[in-house]
Every structure is written in C-alpha cells, then in structure tokens.
Amino acid sequence: MKNKTYFFERFANWATAATGSSAAFLTAAAVVVAWAVTGPIFNYSETWQLVINTGTTIVTFLMVFLIQKSQNKDSKALHLKLNELLASHEGTSNRMVNIEDLTEEDLDQLHKFYLRLSQLAQEEGNLTTTHSIDAANQNHLRKSQRFAQKKEKS
C-alpha cells in the first residue's frame, strides 16, 4: 500500500508541476485553437462542440483532485514550518502550534485578541511592539506603568 501511495504522491507532484508550466498552457491553447479551426470542417456540429466540452470537463475534474492534493501537502508543510518557528522562539506562545485545528469560533476569538494587541501597540505609539498571546496584557501593564513613572519624573 505504501508503494502505491508513494507512486501517487510522486505522480501528483510531477503532474502539478507539469500542468502549471508554460508548456502546458501553450499546449492547451494550441488544442483550443486547433479545435476552433476545425469548426468549419465539421460544420460546427454538436459532436464538434461535444468534443471540447467533454475534454475540458474531464481535465478539469481530474485537475481538481491533483490541485487539492498539492495544496494539502503545501499547507501541511507550511504549518509545520510555522509550528517550528513558534516552538523554537522563546517569546512566542506554544498555544499557537496547531492552531489550524481550532474551531472557527475559537479562531474568531483569537482574531479579536490580535486586533486588541494592535490597538494596544497603537496606543503605545509603537507599532513594532510585539506580545505573545500569554504575555500581552502583562507586558502592556508593565509598559504603561513604566511610561507613567517616566512622566511623573519629568
């Protein structure tokens, strides 16, 4: 079973690369031009139209699955890379690892949290200030207190 899976993955990678190439586009364009040129020869019959419709439908149907396979692999690789960055950086929140497994409602809640972080950074006048999800409120409070102390000393 593993050899079949490996074969399909290699085929999917090859097919995705091949069909995304300039040569594939030019071939497809040449087929359409050839089909259009043969229109008068076949008197623009229903069979003539059926040939291009059937061909494009089959190719589209198969390509949907190849593209989805490629996107799934790319997405998984990207998530793993991001997880590695999160796990390796001391200041980041490990809660963000595998965040893609959260519900839409949980993701919306996190989105609101990061909007709040952006607002805090704007209030501080420093948009480059960053916070982890776990330390954001503590950092903001500590910074605000330091700013207030500096202001009192002035």
C-alpha atoms as a PDB file:
ATOM      1  CA  MET A   1       0.000   0.000   0.000  1.00  0.00           C
ATOM      2  CA  LYS A   2       2.853   2.371   0.844  1.00  0.00           C
ATOM      3  CA  ASN A   3       4.410   1.964  -2.626  1.00  0.00           C
ATOM      4  CA  LYS A   4       1.076   2.874  -4.239  1.00  0.00           C
ATOM      5  CA  THR A   5       0.771   5.948  -2.029  1.00  0.00           C
ATOM      6  CA  TYR A   6       4.352   6.944  -2.791  1.00  0.00           C
ATOM      7  CA  PHE A   7       3.751   6.424  -6.507  1.00  0.00           C
ATOM      8  CA  PHE A   8       0.610   8.572  -6.414  1.00  0.00           C
ATOM      9  CA  GLU A   9       2.408  11.297  -4.494  1.00  0.00           C
ATOM     10  CA  ARG A  10       5.278  11.329  -6.990  1.00  0.00           C
ATOM     11  CA  PHE A  11       2.788  11.365  -9.863  1.00  0.00           C
ATOM     12  CA  ALA A  12       0.771  14.178  -8.246  1.00  0.00           C
ATOM     13  CA  ASN A  13       3.917  16.247  -7.701  1.00  0.00           C
ATOM     14  CA  TRP A  14       5.024  15.681 -11.297  1.00  0.00           C
ATOM     15  CA  ALA A  15       1.547  16.378 -12.736  1.00  0.00           C
ATOM     16  CA  THR A  16       1.130  19.542 -10.664  1.00  0.00           C
ATOM     17  CA  ALA A  17       4.486  20.871 -11.807  1.00  0.00           C
ATOM     18  CA  ALA A  18       3.868  19.856 -15.427  1.00  0.00           C
ATOM     19  CA  THR A  19       0.364  21.298 -15.687  1.00  0.00           C
ATOM     20  CA  GLY A  20       1.457  24.538 -14.058  1.00  0.00           C
ATOM     21  CA  SER A  21       4.132  25.127 -16.661  1.00  0.00           C
ATOM     22  CA  SER A  22       4.195  27.469 -19.642  1.00  0.00           C
ATOM     23  CA  ALA A  23       4.410  24.464 -21.950  1.00  0.00           C
ATOM     24  CA  ALA A  24       1.163  23.055 -20.545  1.00  0.00           C
ATOM     25  CA  PHE A  25      -0.603  26.367 -21.083  1.00  0.00           C
ATOM     26  CA  LEU A  26       0.684  26.650 -24.634  1.00  0.00           C
ATOM     27  CA  THR A  27      -0.387  23.060 -25.356  1.00  0.00           C
ATOM     28  CA  ALA A  28      -3.878  23.740 -24.003  1.00  0.00           C
ATOM     29  CA  ALA A  29      -4.112  26.950 -26.035  1.00  0.00           C
ATOM     30  CA  ALA A  30      -2.978  25.058 -29.165  1.00  0.00           C
ATOM     31  CA  VAL A  31      -5.662  22.411 -28.608  1.00  0.00           C
ATOM     32  CA  VAL A  32      -8.338  25.122 -28.328  1.00  0.00           C
ATOM     33  CA  VAL A  33      -7.062  26.859 -31.467  1.00  0.00           C
ATOM     34  CA  ALA A  34      -6.974  23.542 -33.357  1.00  0.00           C
ATOM     35  CA  TRP A  35     -10.483  22.759 -32.209  1.00  0.00           C
ATOM     36  CA  ALA A  36     -11.701  26.223 -33.290  1.00  0.00           C
ATOM     37  CA  VAL A  37     -10.013  25.892 -36.703  1.00  0.00           C
ATOM     38  CA  THR A  38     -11.755  22.560 -37.311  1.00  0.00           C
ATOM     39  CA  GLY A  39     -15.165  24.153 -36.657  1.00  0.00           C
ATOM     40  CA  PRO A  40     -15.900  24.922 -40.333  1.00  0.00           C
ATOM     41  CA  ILE A  41     -14.701  21.462 -41.393  1.00  0.00           C
ATOM     42  CA  PHE A  42     -17.262  19.822 -39.107  1.00  0.00           C
ATOM     43  CA  ASN A  43     -19.927  22.477 -39.769  1.00  0.00           C
ATOM     44  CA  TYR A  44     -19.856  23.481 -36.113  1.00  0.00           C
ATOM     45  CA  SER A  45     -21.821  20.319 -35.326  1.00  0.00           C
ATOM     46  CA  GLU A  46     -22.979  19.224 -31.911  1.00  0.00           C
ATOM     47  CA  THR A  47     -20.365  16.457 -31.969  1.00  0.00           C
ATOM     48  CA  TRP A  48     -17.659  19.050 -32.655  1.00  0.00           C
ATOM     49  CA  GLN A  49     -18.842  21.058 -29.639  1.00  0.00           C
ATOM     50  CA  LEU A  50     -19.192  17.911 -27.528  1.00  0.00           C
ATOM     51  CA  VAL A  51     -15.533  17.024 -28.111  1.00  0.00           C
ATOM     52  CA  ILE A  52     -14.191  20.209 -26.471  1.00  0.00           C
ATOM     53  CA  ASN A  53     -16.834  20.195 -23.729  1.00  0.00           C
ATOM     54  CA  THR A  54     -16.129  16.582 -22.786  1.00  0.00           C
ATOM     55  CA  GLY A  55     -12.359  17.031 -22.944  1.00  0.00           C
ATOM     56  CA  THR A  56     -12.288  20.139 -20.801  1.00  0.00           C
ATOM     57  CA  THR A  57     -14.725  18.641 -18.291  1.00  0.00           C
ATOM     58  CA  ILE A  58     -12.597  15.534 -17.825  1.00  0.00           C
ATOM     59  CA  VAL A  59      -9.371  17.508 -17.497  1.00  0.00           C
ATOM     60  CA  THR A  60     -10.977  19.916 -15.023  1.00  0.00           C
ATOM     61  CA  PHE A  61     -12.428  17.072 -12.957  1.00  0.00           C
ATOM     62  CA  LEU A  62      -9.052  15.341 -12.650  1.00  0.00           C
ATOM     63  CA  MET A  63      -7.132  18.552 -12.030  1.00  0.00           C
ATOM     64  CA  VAL A  64      -9.333  19.456  -9.065  1.00  0.00           C
ATOM     65  CA  PHE A  65      -8.039  16.397  -7.207  1.00  0.00           C
ATOM     66  CA  LEU A  66      -4.409  16.942  -8.187  1.00  0.00           C
ATOM     67  CA  ILE A  67      -4.533  20.586  -7.145  1.00  0.00           C
ATOM     68  CA  GLN A  68      -6.209  19.697  -3.844  1.00  0.00           C
ATOM     69  CA  LYS A  69      -3.555  17.053  -3.137  1.00  0.00           C
ATOM     70  CA  SER A  70      -0.810  19.572  -3.850  1.00  0.00           C
ATOM     71  CA  GLN A  71      -2.464  22.263  -1.722  1.00  0.00           C
ATOM     72  CA  ASN A  72      -2.944  19.867   1.189  1.00  0.00           C
ATOM     73  CA  LYS A  73       0.740  18.930   1.127  1.00  0.00           C
ATOM     74  CA  ASP A  74       1.883  22.554   0.803  1.00  0.00           C
ATOM     75  CA  SER A  75      -0.451  23.626   3.592  1.00  0.00           C
ATOM     76  CA  LYS A  76       0.789  20.874   5.906  1.00  0.00           C
ATOM     77  CA  ALA A  77       4.434  21.776   5.168  1.00  0.00           C
ATOM     78  CA  LEU A  78       3.736  25.462   5.811  1.00  0.00           C
ATOM     79  CA  HIS A  79       2.000  24.696   9.107  1.00  0.00           C
ATOM     80  CA  LEU A  80       4.929  22.544  10.201  1.00  0.00           C
ATOM     81  CA  LYS A  81       7.380  25.319   9.369  1.00  0.00           C
ATOM     82  CA  LEU A  82       5.318  27.842  11.320  1.00  0.00           C
ATOM     83  CA  ASN A  83       4.977  25.411  14.229  1.00  0.00           C
ATOM     84  CA  GLU A  84       8.767  25.015  14.282  1.00  0.00           C
ATOM     85  CA  LEU A  85       9.224  28.782  14.395  1.00  0.00           C
ATOM     86  CA  LEU A  86       6.701  29.096  17.206  1.00  0.00           C
ATOM     87  CA  ALA A  87       8.187  26.231  19.187  1.00  0.00           C
ATOM     88  CA  SER A  88      11.767  27.447  18.796  1.00  0.00           C
ATOM     89  CA  HIS A  89      11.231  31.102  19.710  1.00  0.00           C
ATOM     90  CA  GLU A  90      11.240  31.860  23.406  1.00  0.00           C
ATOM     91  CA  GLY A  91       8.820  34.772  23.230  1.00  0.00           C
ATOM     92  CA  THR A  92       6.044  33.046  21.306  1.00  0.00           C
ATOM     93  CA  SER A  93       3.053  31.226  22.641  1.00  0.00           C
ATOM     94  CA  ASN A  94       3.017  27.461  22.232  1.00  0.00           C
ATOM     95  CA  ARG A  95      -0.755  27.718  22.157  1.00  0.00           C
ATOM     96  CA  MET A  96      -0.411  28.806  18.556  1.00  0.00           C
ATOM     97  CA  VAL A  97       1.092  25.460  17.470  1.00  0.00           C
ATOM     98  CA  ASN A  98      -1.558  23.514  15.533  1.00  0.00           C
ATOM     99  CA  ILE A  99      -3.944  26.441  15.690  1.00  0.00           C
ATOM    100  CA  GLU A 100      -5.454  25.214  12.423  1.00  0.00           C
ATOM    101  CA  ASP A 101      -7.230  22.503  14.426  1.00  0.00           C
ATOM    102  CA  LEU A 102      -9.296  25.045  16.374  1.00  0.00           C
ATOM    103  CA  THR A 103     -12.932  25.741  15.615  1.00  0.00           C
ATOM    104  CA  GLU A 104     -13.946  28.760  13.563  1.00  0.00           C
ATOM    105  CA  GLU A 105     -15.343  30.328  16.733  1.00  0.00           C
ATOM    106  CA  ASP A 106     -12.007  29.899  18.549  1.00  0.00           C
ATOM    107  CA  LEU A 107     -10.153  31.398  15.590  1.00  0.00           C
ATOM    108  CA  ASP A 108     -12.522  34.383  15.623  1.00  0.00           C
ATOM    109  CA  GLN A 109     -11.784  34.856  19.330  1.00  0.00           C
ATOM    110  CA  LEU A 110      -8.031  34.836  18.674  1.00  0.00           C
ATOM    111  CA  HIS A 111      -8.520  37.280  15.812  1.00  0.00           C
ATOM    112  CA  LYS A 112     -10.242  39.680  18.212  1.00  0.00           C
ATOM    113  CA  PHE A 113      -7.363  39.242  20.632  1.00  0.00           C
ATOM    114  CA  TYR A 114      -4.811  40.207  17.989  1.00  0.00           C
ATOM    115  CA  LEU A 115      -6.912  43.181  16.992  1.00  0.00           C
ATOM    116  CA  ARG A 116      -6.700  44.250  20.627  1.00  0.00           C
ATOM    117  CA  LEU A 117      -2.906  43.815  20.567  1.00  0.00           C
ATOM    118  CA  SER A 118      -2.779  46.063  17.530  1.00  0.00           C
ATOM    119  CA  GLN A 119      -4.838  48.669  19.358  1.00  0.00           C
ATOM    120  CA  LEU A 120      -2.513  48.467  22.376  1.00  0.00           C
ATOM    121  CA  ALA A 121       0.512  48.971  20.119  1.00  0.00           C
ATOM    122  CA  GLN A 122      -1.142  51.994  18.506  1.00  0.00           C
ATOM    123  CA  GLU A 123      -1.909  53.467  21.922  1.00  0.00           C
ATOM    124  CA  GLU A 124       1.736  52.982  22.890  1.00  0.00           C
ATOM    125  CA  GLY A 125       2.764  54.758  19.712  1.00  0.00           C
ATOM    126  CA  ASN A 126       4.979  51.859  18.668  1.00  0.00           C
ATOM    127  CA  LEU A 127       3.503  49.506  16.084  1.00  0.00           C
ATOM    128  CA  THR A 128       6.608  47.311  16.199  1.00  0.00           C
ATOM    129  CA  THR A 129       5.924  46.277  19.801  1.00  0.00           C
ATOM    130  CA  THR A 130       5.077  42.597  19.901  1.00  0.00           C
ATOM    131  CA  HIS A 131       3.481  40.406  22.510  1.00  0.00           C
ATOM    132  CA  SER A 132       2.796  36.719  22.823  1.00  0.00           C
ATOM    133  CA  ILE A 133      -0.756  35.696  23.458  1.00  0.00           C
ATOM    134  CA  ASP A 134       0.134  34.697  27.033  1.00  0.00           C
ATOM    135  CA  ALA A 135       2.111  37.801  27.971  1.00  0.00           C
ATOM    136  CA  ALA A 136       0.314  40.606  26.143  1.00  0.00           C
ATOM    137  CA  ASN A 137      -1.716  42.088  28.989  1.00  0.00           C
ATOM    138  CA  GLN A 138       1.170  41.788  31.469  1.00  0.00           C
ATOM    139  CA  ASN A 139       3.573  43.458  29.034  1.00  0.00           C
ATOM    140  CA  HIS A 140       1.106  46.229  28.343  1.00  0.00           C
ATOM    141  CA  LEU A 141       0.514  46.866  32.037  1.00  0.00           C
ATOM    142  CA  ARG A 142       4.255  46.875  32.795  1.00  0.00           C
ATOM    143  CA  LYS A 143       4.971  49.259  29.897  1.00  0.00           C
ATOM    144  CA  SER A 144       2.138  51.557  30.871  1.00  0.00           C
ATOM    145  CA  GLN A 145       3.427  51.722  34.453  1.00  0.00           C
ATOM    146  CA  ARG A 146       6.973  52.499  33.264  1.00  0.00           C
ATOM    147  CA  PHE A 147       5.647  55.206  30.962  1.00  0.00           C
ATOM    148  CA  ALA A 148       3.629  56.716  33.818  1.00  0.00           C
ATOM    149  CA  GLN A 149       6.693  56.668  36.124  1.00  0.00           C
ATOM    150  CA  LYS A 150       8.821  58.397  33.474  1.00  0.00           C
ATOM    151  CA  LYS A 151       6.123  61.014  33.024  1.00  0.00           C
ATOM    152  CA  GLU A 152       5.952  61.665  36.792  1.00  0.00           C
ATOM    153  CA  LYS A 153       9.741  62.136  36.980  1.00  0.00           C
ATOM    154  CA  SER A 154       9.691  64.668  34.136  1.00  0.00           C
END
